[in-house]
Amino acid sequence: MKVDIQEANGVYTAILTGWFDTNEATQFLSDIQPLFDHADQQLVLDCGGLEYICSLGLRILLRLNKESAAKNGHLQLTNMNGEIRKIFEMTGFVKLFDIH
């Protein structure tokens, strides 16, 4: 999995590409540390290139969402394909995230 983080005008956007399975979790946490560091800002996860996400990946995103809310930041998920959206719907996560 690849994570590319860009910042523009105080908005931190992480572009997620590839397959996120359990083996990717440690590296993913390291890659998105800048988002946790700026959780008080506007955060965007562009999921357009995300092909799969495991339950551990969902928990990491939930942790980021909670951290952002606790620091009065905001996390948006964008560009989900049908398969990823279905995972969020089946788990009830569509109710927990701001998805565009």
Protein backbone atom coordinates (compact mmCIF):
# COMPACT_ATOMS: atom_id res chain seq x y z
CA MET A 1 0.00 0.00 0.00
CA LYS A 2 1.16 3.49 -0.77
CA VAL A 3 0.31 6.67 1.17
CA ASP A 4 1.08 10.10 -0.24
CA ILE A 5 0.35 13.04 2.08
CA GLN A 6 0.02 16.54 0.71
CA GLU A 7 -0.71 19.79 2.53
CA ALA A 8 -2.35 22.84 0.99
CA ASN A 9 -3.82 25.77 2.91
CA GLY A 10 -3.97 23.82 6.18
CA VAL A 11 -5.73 20.81 4.64
CA TYR A 12 -3.83 17.54 4.90
CA THR A 13 -4.76 15.04 2.19
CA ALA A 14 -3.59 11.44 2.23
CA ILE A 15 -3.93 9.62 -1.07
CA LEU A 16 -4.28 5.89 -0.38
CA THR A 17 -3.34 3.46 -3.13
CA GLY A 18 -3.32 -0.32 -3.15
CA TRP A 19 -4.24 -3.20 -0.91
CA PHE A 20 -4.42 -2.61 2.87
CA ASP A 21 -4.14 -5.90 4.70
CA THR A 22 -2.91 -6.71 8.20
CA ASN A 23 0.72 -6.87 7.05
CA GLU A 24 0.52 -3.20 6.03
CA ALA A 25 -0.71 -1.88 9.40
CA THR A 26 2.62 -0.97 11.01
CA GLN A 27 3.88 0.84 7.93
CA PHE A 28 0.50 2.54 7.44
CA LEU A 29 0.56 3.91 11.00
CA SER A 30 4.01 5.28 10.38
CA ASP A 31 2.98 6.75 7.01
CA ILE A 32 -0.07 8.57 8.42
CA GLN A 33 1.64 9.90 11.55
CA PRO A 34 1.55 13.43 10.07
CA LEU A 35 -2.25 13.18 10.08
CA PHE A 36 -2.27 12.32 13.79
CA ASP A 37 0.19 15.19 14.35
CA HIS A 38 -2.23 17.59 12.64
CA ALA A 39 -5.49 16.04 13.84
CA ASP A 40 -6.71 19.50 14.83
CA GLN A 41 -6.80 20.45 11.12
CA GLN A 42 -8.91 19.46 8.13
CA LEU A 43 -7.90 15.91 7.11
CA VAL A 44 -8.91 14.17 3.89
CA LEU A 45 -8.34 10.53 3.01
CA ASP A 46 -8.62 10.07 -0.74
CA CYS A 47 -9.63 6.41 -1.10
CA GLY A 48 -9.87 6.45 -4.90
CA GLY A 49 -6.92 4.08 -5.29
CA LEU A 50 -7.72 1.90 -2.27
CA GLU A 51 -8.53 -1.62 -3.46
CA TYR A 52 -9.09 -3.39 -0.12
CA ILE A 53 -9.06 -2.61 3.60
CA CYS A 54 -8.92 -5.14 6.43
CA SER A 55 -10.57 -4.84 9.84
CA LEU A 56 -7.31 -3.59 11.40
CA GLY A 57 -7.22 -0.85 8.77
CA LEU A 58 -10.76 0.13 9.69
CA ARG A 59 -9.77 0.35 13.36
CA ILE A 60 -6.81 2.58 12.50
CA LEU A 61 -9.09 4.91 10.53
CA LEU A 62 -11.56 4.92 13.43
CA ARG A 63 -8.72 5.88 15.78
CA LEU A 64 -7.74 8.74 13.46
CA ASN A 65 -11.37 9.87 13.28
CA LYS A 66 -11.66 9.89 17.09
CA GLU A 67 -8.35 11.73 17.48
CA SER A 68 -9.47 14.35 14.98
CA ALA A 69 -12.83 14.84 16.71
CA ALA A 70 -11.15 15.12 20.12
CA LYS A 71 -8.90 17.89 18.81
CA ASN A 72 -11.73 19.74 17.02
CA GLY A 73 -10.36 18.75 13.63
CA HIS A 74 -12.35 17.14 10.84
CA LEU A 75 -11.73 13.96 8.84
CA GLN A 76 -13.34 13.32 5.46
CA LEU A 77 -13.11 10.19 3.34
CA THR A 78 -13.46 10.75 -0.40
CA ASN A 79 -13.58 8.84 -3.69
CA MET A 80 -14.46 5.41 -2.27
CA ASN A 81 -15.03 2.74 -4.88
CA GLY A 82 -18.02 0.42 -4.56
CA GLU A 83 -16.15 -2.39 -2.81
CA ILE A 84 -14.65 -0.15 -0.14
CA ARG A 85 -18.00 1.59 0.37
CA LYS A 86 -19.65 -1.82 0.80
CA ILE A 87 -17.16 -2.69 3.56
CA PHE A 88 -17.98 0.59 5.33
CA GLU A 89 -21.71 -0.08 4.97
CA MET A 90 -21.50 -3.69 6.22
CA THR A 91 -19.54 -2.61 9.30
CA GLY A 92 -21.73 0.41 10.02
CA PHE A 93 -18.75 2.74 9.58
CA VAL A 94 -20.70 4.89 7.11
CA LYS A 95 -22.45 6.31 10.17
CA LEU A 96 -19.15 7.15 11.89
CA PHE A 97 -17.33 8.94 9.08
CA ASP A 98 -17.92 11.95 6.86
CA ILE A 99 -17.86 10.22 3.46
CA HIS A 100 -17.97 12.13 0.17
